[in-house]
């Protein structure tokens, strides 16, 4: 009997995933348009809530699905909005969102319920902050300099900074902590509301 139920549930789960992933990806793509600056943070860093749909998808179907939603969202953004062909912003958004979703979902799977989610959101914020600090120093900001055909030093000077680690300390790290906190504050009540409907323990 249980084996028969499992066979019936598998196609239903696959159908649910096939419908949900494109829907959440589209919502995430729309939310990317609703970006806004953060006070005291350089203007090139803008906050959006497009990680939320990926987080919901990850909680429903696992971290790989959440990361897939992040990828689809950024590919759509590159193809439909990014008219100057700069890929660096999409890569940064993808890496940051994927790190946050992976940490949050992984911890929530280990320890389900509200406490697990809170621990996961904190872990996701930490992972995102650390990874983006390193990525900006060694990959992303040098790539921005290449795209703008400027030296790294000249690009830093335009922001009033003298080193990449100054950028990390005064801009990148505070921004990602703020982003993690804002997304977490919105994600938690959504989780509490949706958990029974998407098969998660509240």
N, C-alpha and C. Protein backbone atom coordinates (compact mmCIF):
# COMPACT_ATOMS: atom_id res chain seq x y z
N UNK A 1 0.83 -1.22 0.00
CA UNK A 1 0.00 0.00 0.00
C UNK A 1 0.86 1.26 0.00
N UNK A 2 1.87 1.24 0.86
CA UNK A 2 2.74 2.42 0.94
C UNK A 2 3.51 2.62 -0.36
N UNK A 3 3.94 1.50 -0.98
CA UNK A 3 4.66 1.61 -2.24
C UNK A 3 3.76 2.20 -3.32
N UNK A 4 2.49 1.80 -3.32
CA UNK A 4 1.54 2.35 -4.30
C UNK A 4 1.34 3.84 -4.09
N UNK A 5 1.24 4.26 -2.82
CA UNK A 5 1.08 5.69 -2.51
C UNK A 5 2.29 6.48 -2.98
N UNK A 6 3.50 5.89 -2.81
CA UNK A 6 4.73 6.57 -3.23
C UNK A 6 4.75 6.76 -4.74
N UNK A 7 4.32 5.70 -5.47
CA UNK A 7 4.28 5.78 -6.93
C UNK A 7 3.33 6.87 -7.39
N UNK A 8 2.19 7.01 -6.70
CA UNK A 8 1.21 8.04 -7.04
C UNK A 8 1.73 9.43 -6.71
N UNK A 9 2.45 9.54 -5.58
CA UNK A 9 2.93 10.86 -5.13
C UNK A 9 4.04 11.40 -6.00
N UNK A 10 4.90 10.53 -6.56
CA UNK A 10 6.05 11.00 -7.33
C UNK A 10 5.65 11.83 -8.55
N UNK A 11 4.72 11.34 -9.41
CA UNK A 11 4.29 12.18 -10.54
C UNK A 11 3.64 13.48 -10.09
N UNK A 12 2.88 13.41 -8.99
CA UNK A 12 2.23 14.63 -8.49
C UNK A 12 3.27 15.64 -8.03
N UNK A 13 4.34 15.15 -7.36
CA UNK A 13 5.41 16.04 -6.91
C UNK A 13 6.14 16.65 -8.10
N UNK A 14 6.39 15.84 -9.12
CA UNK A 14 7.07 16.34 -10.31
C UNK A 14 6.24 17.40 -11.03
N UNK A 15 4.93 17.15 -11.12
CA UNK A 15 4.04 18.12 -11.75
C UNK A 15 4.01 19.43 -10.97
N UNK A 16 3.96 19.29 -9.65
CA UNK A 16 3.96 20.47 -8.79
C UNK A 16 5.25 21.27 -8.96
N UNK A 17 6.36 20.56 -9.08
CA UNK A 17 7.64 21.24 -9.27
C UNK A 17 7.69 21.94 -10.62
N UNK A 18 7.21 21.26 -11.67
CA UNK A 18 7.23 21.82 -13.02
C UNK A 18 6.39 23.10 -13.11
N UNK A 19 5.33 23.16 -12.34
CA UNK A 19 4.47 24.35 -12.34
C UNK A 19 5.06 25.45 -11.45
N UNK A 20 5.58 25.05 -10.30
CA UNK A 20 6.01 26.02 -9.29
C UNK A 20 7.31 26.72 -9.67
N UNK A 21 8.27 25.99 -10.20
CA UNK A 21 9.59 26.58 -10.49
C UNK A 21 9.49 27.73 -11.50
N UNK A 22 8.83 27.56 -12.66
CA UNK A 22 8.71 28.71 -13.57
C UNK A 22 7.96 29.88 -12.95
N UNK A 23 6.92 29.58 -12.15
CA UNK A 23 6.15 30.65 -11.52
C UNK A 23 7.01 31.45 -10.56
N UNK A 24 7.75 30.76 -9.68
CA UNK A 24 8.61 31.45 -8.73
C UNK A 24 9.75 32.19 -9.43
N UNK A 25 10.25 31.62 -10.52
CA UNK A 25 11.31 32.28 -11.29
C UNK A 25 10.80 33.58 -11.89
N UNK A 26 9.57 33.57 -12.39
CA UNK A 26 8.98 34.78 -12.97
C UNK A 26 8.77 35.85 -11.90
N UNK A 27 8.29 35.43 -10.72
CA UNK A 27 8.11 36.38 -9.62
C UNK A 27 9.45 36.96 -9.20
N UNK A 28 10.47 36.11 -9.11
CA UNK A 28 11.80 36.58 -8.74
C UNK A 28 12.35 37.59 -9.76
N UNK A 29 12.11 37.31 -11.03
CA UNK A 29 12.55 38.22 -12.09
C UNK A 29 11.88 39.58 -11.96
N UNK A 30 10.59 39.58 -11.68
CA UNK A 30 9.85 40.85 -11.50
C UNK A 30 10.38 41.61 -10.30
N UNK A 31 10.65 40.88 -9.21
CA UNK A 31 11.16 41.54 -8.00
C UNK A 31 12.53 42.17 -8.20
N UNK A 32 13.30 41.65 -9.17
CA UNK A 32 14.61 42.25 -9.46
C UNK A 32 14.48 43.68 -9.96
N UNK A 33 13.33 43.99 -10.58
CA UNK A 33 13.10 45.35 -11.07
C UNK A 33 12.86 46.32 -9.91
N UNK A 34 12.42 45.80 -8.79
CA UNK A 34 12.04 46.65 -7.66
C UNK A 34 13.21 46.83 -6.71
N UNK A 35 14.33 47.22 -7.25
CA UNK A 35 15.52 47.42 -6.44
C UNK A 35 15.56 48.85 -5.92
N UNK A 36 16.22 49.01 -4.78
CA UNK A 36 16.31 50.33 -4.19
C UNK A 36 17.65 50.49 -3.48
N UNK A 37 18.17 51.71 -3.42
CA UNK A 37 19.48 51.94 -2.78
C UNK A 37 19.38 51.81 -1.27
N UNK A 38 20.51 51.53 -0.65
CA UNK A 38 20.61 51.44 0.80
C UNK A 38 21.39 52.65 1.30
N UNK A 39 20.86 53.39 2.26
CA UNK A 39 21.57 54.58 2.77
C UNK A 39 22.99 54.24 3.23
N UNK A 40 23.92 55.13 2.91
CA UNK A 40 25.33 55.03 3.31
C UNK A 40 26.09 53.92 2.59
N UNK A 41 25.44 53.25 1.63
CA UNK A 41 26.09 52.20 0.84
C UNK A 41 26.28 52.73 -0.58
N UNK A 42 27.43 52.46 -1.23
CA UNK A 42 27.63 52.94 -2.61
C UNK A 42 26.47 52.60 -3.52
N UNK A 43 26.18 53.51 -4.44
CA UNK A 43 24.96 53.43 -5.26
C UNK A 43 24.93 52.20 -6.16
N UNK A 44 26.10 51.62 -6.48
CA UNK A 44 26.07 50.47 -7.38
C UNK A 44 25.54 49.21 -6.68
N UNK A 45 25.41 49.26 -5.37
CA UNK A 45 24.82 48.16 -4.61
C UNK A 45 23.37 48.50 -4.29
N UNK A 46 22.47 47.79 -4.93
CA UNK A 46 21.04 48.04 -4.72
C UNK A 46 20.38 46.77 -4.18
N UNK A 47 19.44 46.99 -3.29
CA UNK A 47 18.77 45.88 -2.61
C UNK A 47 17.47 45.52 -3.33
N UNK A 48 17.25 44.23 -3.51
CA UNK A 48 15.96 43.77 -4.02
C UNK A 48 15.56 42.51 -3.25
N UNK A 49 14.33 42.09 -3.42
CA UNK A 49 13.80 40.96 -2.67
C UNK A 49 13.62 39.72 -3.54
N UNK A 50 14.37 39.65 -4.64
CA UNK A 50 14.18 38.55 -5.59
C UNK A 50 14.69 37.22 -5.06
N UNK A 51 15.39 37.22 -3.93
CA UNK A 51 15.84 35.96 -3.34
C UNK A 51 14.69 35.22 -2.66
N UNK A 52 13.64 35.94 -2.28
CA UNK A 52 12.53 35.31 -1.57
C UNK A 52 11.87 34.16 -2.33
N UNK A 53 11.50 34.31 -3.61
CA UNK A 53 10.91 33.18 -4.33
C UNK A 53 11.85 31.98 -4.41
N UNK A 54 13.15 32.23 -4.57
CA UNK A 54 14.12 31.13 -4.61
C UNK A 54 14.17 30.42 -3.26
N UNK A 55 14.09 31.18 -2.18
CA UNK A 55 14.08 30.59 -0.85
C UNK A 55 12.84 29.71 -0.65
N UNK A 56 11.69 30.20 -1.08
CA UNK A 56 10.45 29.42 -0.97
C UNK A 56 10.55 28.14 -1.79
N UNK A 57 11.06 28.26 -3.01
CA UNK A 57 11.24 27.07 -3.85
C UNK A 57 12.21 26.08 -3.23
N UNK A 58 13.27 26.61 -2.62
CA UNK A 58 14.23 25.73 -1.95
C UNK A 58 13.64 25.02 -0.76
N UNK A 59 12.83 25.72 0.01
CA UNK A 59 12.18 25.10 1.16
C UNK A 59 11.19 24.02 0.72
N UNK A 60 10.57 24.22 -0.42
CA UNK A 60 9.58 23.25 -0.91
C UNK A 60 10.23 22.02 -1.51
N UNK A 61 11.29 22.23 -2.31
CA UNK A 61 11.82 21.13 -3.12
C UNK A 61 13.31 20.85 -2.91
N UNK A 62 13.95 21.59 -2.04
CA UNK A 62 15.37 21.37 -1.80
C UNK A 62 16.23 22.50 -2.34
N UNK A 63 17.48 22.60 -1.86
CA UNK A 63 18.34 23.73 -2.23
C UNK A 63 18.66 23.81 -3.72
N UNK A 64 18.74 22.65 -4.40
CA UNK A 64 19.05 22.66 -5.83
C UNK A 64 17.98 23.41 -6.62
N UNK A 65 16.73 23.26 -6.23
CA UNK A 65 15.64 23.95 -6.92
C UNK A 65 15.72 25.45 -6.63
N UNK A 66 16.03 25.82 -5.39
CA UNK A 66 16.20 27.24 -5.07
C UNK A 66 17.30 27.88 -5.90
N UNK A 67 18.41 27.17 -6.05
CA UNK A 67 19.53 27.68 -6.86
C UNK A 67 19.13 27.74 -8.34
N UNK A 68 18.34 26.77 -8.79
CA UNK A 68 17.84 26.80 -10.17
C UNK A 68 16.99 28.04 -10.42
N UNK A 69 16.14 28.39 -9.47
CA UNK A 69 15.31 29.60 -9.60
C UNK A 69 16.19 30.84 -9.67
N UNK A 70 17.24 30.88 -8.85
CA UNK A 70 18.20 31.99 -8.92
C UNK A 70 18.82 32.08 -10.31
N UNK A 71 19.18 30.94 -10.89
CA UNK A 71 19.80 30.94 -12.21
C UNK A 71 18.83 31.42 -13.28
N UNK A 72 17.60 30.89 -13.27
CA UNK A 72 16.61 31.27 -14.27
C UNK A 72 16.32 32.77 -14.18
N UNK A 73 16.15 33.26 -12.97
CA UNK A 73 15.88 34.68 -12.75
C UNK A 73 16.96 35.55 -13.36
N UNK A 74 18.22 35.19 -13.13
CA UNK A 74 19.32 36.02 -13.62
C UNK A 74 19.53 35.88 -15.13
N UNK A 75 19.25 34.71 -15.68
CA UNK A 75 19.31 34.56 -17.14
C UNK A 75 18.25 35.42 -17.80
N UNK A 76 17.03 35.41 -17.24
CA UNK A 76 15.97 36.27 -17.77
C UNK A 76 16.35 37.74 -17.67
N UNK A 77 16.95 38.12 -16.54
CA UNK A 77 17.36 39.51 -16.35
C UNK A 77 18.41 39.91 -17.37
N UNK A 78 19.36 39.01 -17.63
CA UNK A 78 20.42 39.28 -18.60
C UNK A 78 19.84 39.44 -20.01
N UNK A 79 18.89 38.58 -20.36
CA UNK A 79 18.35 38.59 -21.72
C UNK A 79 17.34 39.70 -21.96
N UNK A 80 16.56 40.06 -20.94
CA UNK A 80 15.43 40.97 -21.14
C UNK A 80 15.65 42.38 -20.61
N UNK A 81 16.57 42.56 -19.66
CA UNK A 81 16.74 43.89 -19.09
C UNK A 81 18.15 44.43 -19.28
N UNK A 82 19.15 43.57 -19.20
CA UNK A 82 20.53 44.04 -19.23
C UNK A 82 20.94 44.35 -20.66
N UNK A 83 20.65 45.56 -21.09
CA UNK A 83 20.88 45.94 -22.48
C UNK A 83 22.34 46.21 -22.82
N UNK A 84 23.19 46.46 -21.79
CA UNK A 84 24.59 46.78 -22.09
C UNK A 84 25.47 45.53 -22.08
N UNK A 85 24.89 44.36 -21.84
CA UNK A 85 25.64 43.12 -21.93
C UNK A 85 26.56 42.84 -20.77
N UNK A 86 26.50 43.61 -19.70
CA UNK A 86 27.35 43.38 -18.54
C UNK A 86 26.82 42.20 -17.74
N UNK A 87 27.63 41.17 -17.64
CA UNK A 87 27.21 39.94 -16.99
C UNK A 87 27.58 39.92 -15.51
N UNK A 88 28.44 40.83 -15.09
CA UNK A 88 28.99 40.79 -13.73
C UNK A 88 27.89 40.93 -12.68
N UNK A 89 26.94 41.82 -12.90
CA UNK A 89 25.88 42.03 -11.92
C UNK A 89 25.03 40.79 -11.73
N UNK A 90 24.72 40.10 -12.83
CA UNK A 90 23.93 38.88 -12.73
C UNK A 90 24.70 37.78 -12.01
N UNK A 91 25.99 37.69 -12.30
CA UNK A 91 26.81 36.68 -11.61
C UNK A 91 26.83 36.96 -10.11
N UNK A 92 27.02 38.22 -9.74
CA UNK A 92 27.05 38.58 -8.33
C UNK A 92 25.72 38.27 -7.65
N UNK A 93 24.61 38.61 -8.33
CA UNK A 93 23.29 38.34 -7.77
C UNK A 93 23.06 36.84 -7.62
N UNK A 94 23.48 36.07 -8.61
CA UNK A 94 23.31 34.62 -8.56
C UNK A 94 24.10 34.00 -7.43
N UNK A 95 25.36 34.38 -7.31
CA UNK A 95 26.21 33.81 -6.26
C UNK A 95 25.67 34.17 -4.87
N UNK A 96 25.32 35.44 -4.68
CA UNK A 96 24.81 35.88 -3.38
C UNK A 96 23.52 35.15 -3.02
N UNK A 97 22.57 35.14 -3.96
CA UNK A 97 21.28 34.49 -3.69
C UNK A 97 21.41 33.00 -3.46
N UNK A 98 22.27 32.35 -4.25
CA UNK A 98 22.46 30.91 -4.11
C UNK A 98 23.08 30.56 -2.76
N UNK A 99 24.05 31.34 -2.33
CA UNK A 99 24.67 31.10 -1.02
C UNK A 99 23.65 31.24 0.10
N UNK A 100 22.83 32.28 0.03
CA UNK A 100 21.82 32.51 1.06
C UNK A 100 20.80 31.36 1.08
N UNK A 101 20.29 31.01 -0.09
CA UNK A 101 19.28 29.95 -0.18
C UNK A 101 19.86 28.61 0.29
N UNK A 102 21.07 28.29 -0.14
CA UNK A 102 21.67 27.01 0.22
C UNK A 102 21.83 26.88 1.73
N UNK A 103 22.38 27.91 2.37
CA UNK A 103 22.56 27.87 3.81
C UNK A 103 21.26 27.78 4.57
N UNK A 104 20.29 28.59 4.15
CA UNK A 104 18.99 28.61 4.84
C UNK A 104 18.25 27.30 4.71
N UNK A 105 18.20 26.76 3.50
CA UNK A 105 17.45 25.53 3.25
C UNK A 105 18.15 24.33 3.89
N UNK A 106 19.47 24.29 3.78
CA UNK A 106 20.21 23.16 4.35
C UNK A 106 19.97 23.05 5.85
N UNK A 107 20.06 24.15 6.56
CA UNK A 107 19.84 24.13 8.00
C UNK A 107 18.39 23.78 8.34
N UNK A 108 17.46 24.30 7.55
CA UNK A 108 16.05 24.02 7.81
C UNK A 108 15.73 22.54 7.60
N UNK A 109 16.42 21.90 6.67
CA UNK A 109 16.21 20.47 6.45
C UNK A 109 16.78 19.65 7.61
N UNK A 110 17.89 20.13 8.18
CA UNK A 110 18.50 19.43 9.31
C UNK A 110 17.64 19.57 10.57
N UNK A 111 17.18 20.78 10.80
CA UNK A 111 16.35 21.05 11.98
C UNK A 111 15.10 21.79 11.53
N UNK A 112 14.04 21.06 11.35
CA UNK A 112 12.82 21.65 10.82
C UNK A 112 12.11 22.52 11.85
N UNK A 113 11.16 23.31 11.35
CA UNK A 113 10.40 24.18 12.22
C UNK A 113 10.95 25.60 12.24
N UNK A 114 10.34 26.43 13.06
CA UNK A 114 10.70 27.85 13.12
C UNK A 114 12.14 28.05 13.56
N UNK A 115 12.58 27.29 14.57
CA UNK A 115 13.95 27.44 15.06
C UNK A 115 14.95 27.09 13.97
N UNK A 116 14.66 26.01 13.23
CA UNK A 116 15.54 25.62 12.14
C UNK A 116 15.61 26.68 11.05
N UNK A 117 14.47 27.28 10.75
CA UNK A 117 14.47 28.33 9.73
C UNK A 117 15.27 29.53 10.19
N UNK A 118 15.09 29.95 11.43
CA UNK A 118 15.84 31.10 11.94
C UNK A 118 17.34 30.83 11.90
N UNK A 119 17.74 29.63 12.30
CA UNK A 119 19.15 29.26 12.24
C UNK A 119 19.63 29.23 10.79
N UNK A 120 18.77 28.73 9.90
CA UNK A 120 19.12 28.68 8.49
C UNK A 120 19.27 30.05 7.87
N UNK A 121 18.37 30.96 8.20
CA UNK A 121 18.46 32.33 7.68
C UNK A 121 19.75 33.01 8.17
N UNK A 122 20.09 32.75 9.43
CA UNK A 122 21.34 33.32 9.95
C UNK A 122 22.54 32.70 9.24
N UNK A 123 22.52 31.38 9.06
CA UNK A 123 23.62 30.71 8.37
C UNK A 123 23.72 31.18 6.93
N UNK A 124 22.58 31.31 6.25
CA UNK A 124 22.60 31.79 4.87
C UNK A 124 23.18 33.18 4.76
N UNK A 125 22.85 34.05 5.71
CA UNK A 125 23.39 35.41 5.71
C UNK A 125 24.90 35.39 5.91
N UNK A 126 25.38 34.55 6.81
CA UNK A 126 26.82 34.46 7.07
C UNK A 126 27.57 33.94 5.84
N UNK A 127 27.04 32.85 5.25
CA UNK A 127 27.70 32.28 4.07
C UNK A 127 27.72 33.29 2.94
N UNK A 128 26.60 33.94 2.69
CA UNK A 128 26.52 34.95 1.63
C UNK A 128 27.52 36.08 1.87
N UNK A 129 27.60 36.55 3.10
CA UNK A 129 28.50 37.67 3.42
C UNK A 129 29.96 37.29 3.21
N UNK A 130 30.35 36.11 3.68
CA UNK A 130 31.75 35.67 3.55
C UNK A 130 32.12 35.41 2.09
N UNK A 131 31.26 34.67 1.39
CA UNK A 131 31.55 34.34 -0.01
C UNK A 131 31.61 35.59 -0.87
N UNK A 132 30.68 36.53 -0.67
CA UNK A 132 30.67 37.74 -1.49
C UNK A 132 31.86 38.65 -1.17
N UNK A 133 32.34 38.62 0.05
CA UNK A 133 33.53 39.40 0.39
C UNK A 133 34.72 38.90 -0.42
N UNK A 134 34.93 37.60 -0.40
CA UNK A 134 36.05 37.00 -1.14
C UNK A 134 35.85 37.17 -2.65
N UNK A 135 34.63 36.91 -3.13
CA UNK A 135 34.36 37.00 -4.56
C UNK A 135 34.58 38.41 -5.10
N UNK A 136 34.20 39.43 -4.32
CA UNK A 136 34.38 40.80 -4.79
C UNK A 136 35.85 41.18 -4.86
N UNK A 137 36.64 40.71 -3.93
CA UNK A 137 38.07 41.05 -3.93
C UNK A 137 38.79 40.40 -5.11
N UNK A 138 38.51 39.12 -5.34
CA UNK A 138 39.32 38.36 -6.29
C UNK A 138 38.68 38.18 -7.67
N UNK A 139 37.36 38.38 -7.79
CA UNK A 139 36.71 38.12 -9.08
C UNK A 139 35.84 39.28 -9.54
N UNK A 140 34.82 39.63 -8.75
CA UNK A 140 33.76 40.51 -9.24
C UNK A 140 34.22 41.94 -9.48
N UNK A 141 34.88 42.54 -8.49
CA UNK A 141 35.28 43.93 -8.68
C UNK A 141 36.35 44.08 -9.76
N UNK A 142 37.36 43.18 -9.82
CA UNK A 142 38.27 43.24 -10.96
C UNK A 142 37.55 43.09 -12.30
N UNK A 143 36.49 42.26 -12.33
CA UNK A 143 35.72 42.11 -13.57
C UNK A 143 34.98 43.39 -13.92
N UNK A 144 34.43 44.08 -12.91
CA UNK A 144 33.80 45.39 -13.15
C UNK A 144 34.81 46.35 -13.76
N UNK A 145 36.03 46.34 -13.24
CA UNK A 145 37.07 47.24 -13.75
C UNK A 145 37.35 46.96 -15.22
N UNK A 146 37.38 45.69 -15.59
CA UNK A 146 37.61 45.32 -16.99
C UNK A 146 36.46 45.81 -17.86
N UNK A 147 35.24 45.60 -17.41
CA UNK A 147 34.06 46.01 -18.17
C UNK A 147 34.05 47.52 -18.40
N UNK A 148 34.40 48.29 -17.35
CA UNK A 148 34.42 49.75 -17.47
C UNK A 148 35.72 50.28 -18.07
N UNK A 149 36.63 49.36 -18.41
CA UNK A 149 37.92 49.72 -19.01
C UNK A 149 38.67 50.72 -18.15
N UNK A 150 38.71 50.41 -16.86
CA UNK A 150 39.43 51.22 -15.89
C UNK A 150 40.30 50.31 -15.04
N UNK A 151 41.30 50.89 -14.43
CA UNK A 151 42.07 50.10 -13.47
C UNK A 151 41.25 49.93 -12.19
N UNK A 152 41.59 48.92 -11.41
CA UNK A 152 40.89 48.70 -10.15
C UNK A 152 41.06 49.91 -9.24
N UNK A 153 42.26 50.48 -9.24
CA UNK A 153 42.54 51.65 -8.38
C UNK A 153 41.68 52.84 -8.77
N UNK A 154 41.55 53.07 -10.08
CA UNK A 154 40.75 54.20 -10.54
C UNK A 154 39.27 54.00 -10.19
N UNK A 155 38.80 52.76 -10.32
CA UNK A 155 37.41 52.49 -10.00
C UNK A 155 37.16 52.64 -8.50
N UNK A 156 38.11 52.22 -7.69
CA UNK A 156 38.00 52.39 -6.24
C UNK A 156 37.99 53.87 -5.87
N UNK A 157 38.85 54.64 -6.52
CA UNK A 157 38.93 56.08 -6.24
C UNK A 157 37.60 56.78 -6.54
N UNK A 158 36.86 56.26 -7.53
CA UNK A 158 35.58 56.87 -7.87
C UNK A 158 34.56 56.70 -6.75
N UNK A 159 34.81 55.71 -5.89
CA UNK A 159 33.94 55.50 -4.72
C UNK A 159 34.57 56.04 -3.44
N UNK A 160 35.72 56.71 -3.58
CA UNK A 160 36.38 57.26 -2.41
C UNK A 160 37.04 56.22 -1.52
N UNK A 161 37.44 55.09 -2.11
CA UNK A 161 38.07 54.01 -1.35
C UNK A 161 39.49 53.78 -1.87
N UNK A 162 40.33 53.20 -1.02
CA UNK A 162 41.73 53.05 -1.41
C UNK A 162 42.19 51.61 -1.58
N UNK A 163 41.33 50.64 -1.26
CA UNK A 163 41.71 49.24 -1.44
C UNK A 163 40.45 48.38 -1.55
N UNK A 164 40.64 47.18 -2.11
CA UNK A 164 39.50 46.27 -2.25
C UNK A 164 38.96 45.82 -0.89
N UNK A 165 39.85 45.67 0.07
CA UNK A 165 39.38 45.26 1.40
C UNK A 165 38.63 46.39 2.10
N UNK A 166 38.97 47.63 1.76
CA UNK A 166 38.16 48.75 2.26
C UNK A 166 36.76 48.68 1.69
N UNK A 167 36.67 48.33 0.40
CA UNK A 167 35.37 48.15 -0.23
C UNK A 167 34.57 47.06 0.49
N UNK A 168 35.24 45.96 0.82
CA UNK A 168 34.57 44.86 1.51
C UNK A 168 34.09 45.29 2.89
N UNK A 169 34.94 45.97 3.64
CA UNK A 169 34.63 46.33 5.03
C UNK A 169 33.53 47.39 5.10
N UNK A 170 33.63 48.39 4.25
CA UNK A 170 32.72 49.53 4.35
C UNK A 170 31.48 49.45 3.45
N UNK A 171 31.48 48.54 2.49
CA UNK A 171 30.35 48.48 1.56
C UNK A 171 29.78 47.08 1.40
N UNK A 172 30.59 46.13 0.91
CA UNK A 172 30.09 44.81 0.56
C UNK A 172 29.54 44.06 1.77
N UNK A 173 30.32 44.02 2.85
CA UNK A 173 29.89 43.27 4.04
C UNK A 173 28.65 43.88 4.68
N UNK A 174 28.61 45.20 4.95
CA UNK A 174 27.38 45.77 5.51
C UNK A 174 26.17 45.55 4.60
N UNK A 175 26.37 45.69 3.29
CA UNK A 175 25.26 45.51 2.36
C UNK A 175 24.69 44.11 2.44
N UNK A 176 25.54 43.09 2.44
CA UNK A 176 25.05 41.71 2.46
C UNK A 176 24.43 41.34 3.80
N UNK A 177 24.93 41.91 4.89
CA UNK A 177 24.30 41.69 6.18
C UNK A 177 22.90 42.31 6.19
N UNK A 178 22.79 43.53 5.69
CA UNK A 178 21.49 44.20 5.60
C UNK A 178 20.54 43.40 4.71
N UNK A 179 21.05 42.94 3.58
CA UNK A 179 20.23 42.15 2.66
C UNK A 179 19.73 40.88 3.34
N UNK A 180 20.63 40.17 4.03
CA UNK A 180 20.23 38.95 4.71
C UNK A 180 19.18 39.20 5.78
N UNK A 181 19.34 40.29 6.53
CA UNK A 181 18.39 40.62 7.60
C UNK A 181 17.04 41.00 7.01
N UNK A 182 17.03 41.83 5.98
CA UNK A 182 15.77 42.26 5.37
C UNK A 182 15.01 41.07 4.79
N UNK A 183 15.71 40.24 4.01
CA UNK A 183 15.07 39.07 3.42
C UNK A 183 14.56 38.12 4.51
N UNK A 184 15.34 37.97 5.57
CA UNK A 184 14.95 37.08 6.68
C UNK A 184 13.70 37.59 7.38
N UNK A 185 13.64 38.89 7.61
CA UNK A 185 12.49 39.47 8.31
C UNK A 185 11.19 39.29 7.51
N UNK A 186 11.32 39.29 6.19
CA UNK A 186 10.14 39.08 5.35
C UNK A 186 9.85 37.59 5.17
N UNK A 187 10.92 36.78 5.07
CA UNK A 187 10.76 35.35 4.83
C UNK A 187 10.12 34.63 6.01
N UNK A 188 10.44 35.04 7.22
CA UNK A 188 9.96 34.31 8.39
C UNK A 188 8.44 34.29 8.50
N UNK A 189 7.75 35.44 8.46
CA UNK A 189 6.28 35.37 8.52
C UNK A 189 5.66 34.67 7.32
N UNK A 190 6.31 34.77 6.15
CA UNK A 190 5.80 34.05 4.98
C UNK A 190 5.89 32.55 5.22
N UNK A 191 7.00 32.11 5.80
CA UNK A 191 7.17 30.69 6.11
C UNK A 191 6.10 30.21 7.10
N UNK A 192 5.89 30.98 8.15
CA UNK A 192 4.90 30.61 9.16
C UNK A 192 3.51 30.47 8.52
N UNK A 193 3.23 31.33 7.56
CA UNK A 193 1.92 31.32 6.90
C UNK A 193 1.80 30.15 5.92
N UNK A 194 2.87 29.89 5.18
CA UNK A 194 2.80 28.92 4.09
C UNK A 194 3.19 27.51 4.49
N UNK A 195 3.91 27.35 5.60
CA UNK A 195 4.47 26.04 5.97
C UNK A 195 3.44 24.90 5.89
N UNK A 196 2.25 25.04 6.49
CA UNK A 196 1.29 23.92 6.42
C UNK A 196 0.83 23.63 5.00
N UNK A 197 0.80 24.62 4.15
CA UNK A 197 0.29 24.44 2.79
C UNK A 197 1.32 23.79 1.87
N UNK A 198 2.60 23.95 2.17
CA UNK A 198 3.64 23.38 1.30
C UNK A 198 4.32 22.18 1.94
N UNK A 199 3.68 21.65 2.99
CA UNK A 199 4.16 20.40 3.57
C UNK A 199 5.35 20.52 4.50
N UNK A 200 5.58 21.71 5.07
CA UNK A 200 6.69 21.90 6.00
C UNK A 200 6.16 22.00 7.42
N UNK A 201 7.01 21.59 8.37
CA UNK A 201 6.61 21.66 9.75
C UNK A 201 6.78 23.07 10.28
N UNK A 202 5.75 23.58 10.90
CA UNK A 202 5.78 24.94 11.43
C UNK A 202 6.21 24.90 12.89
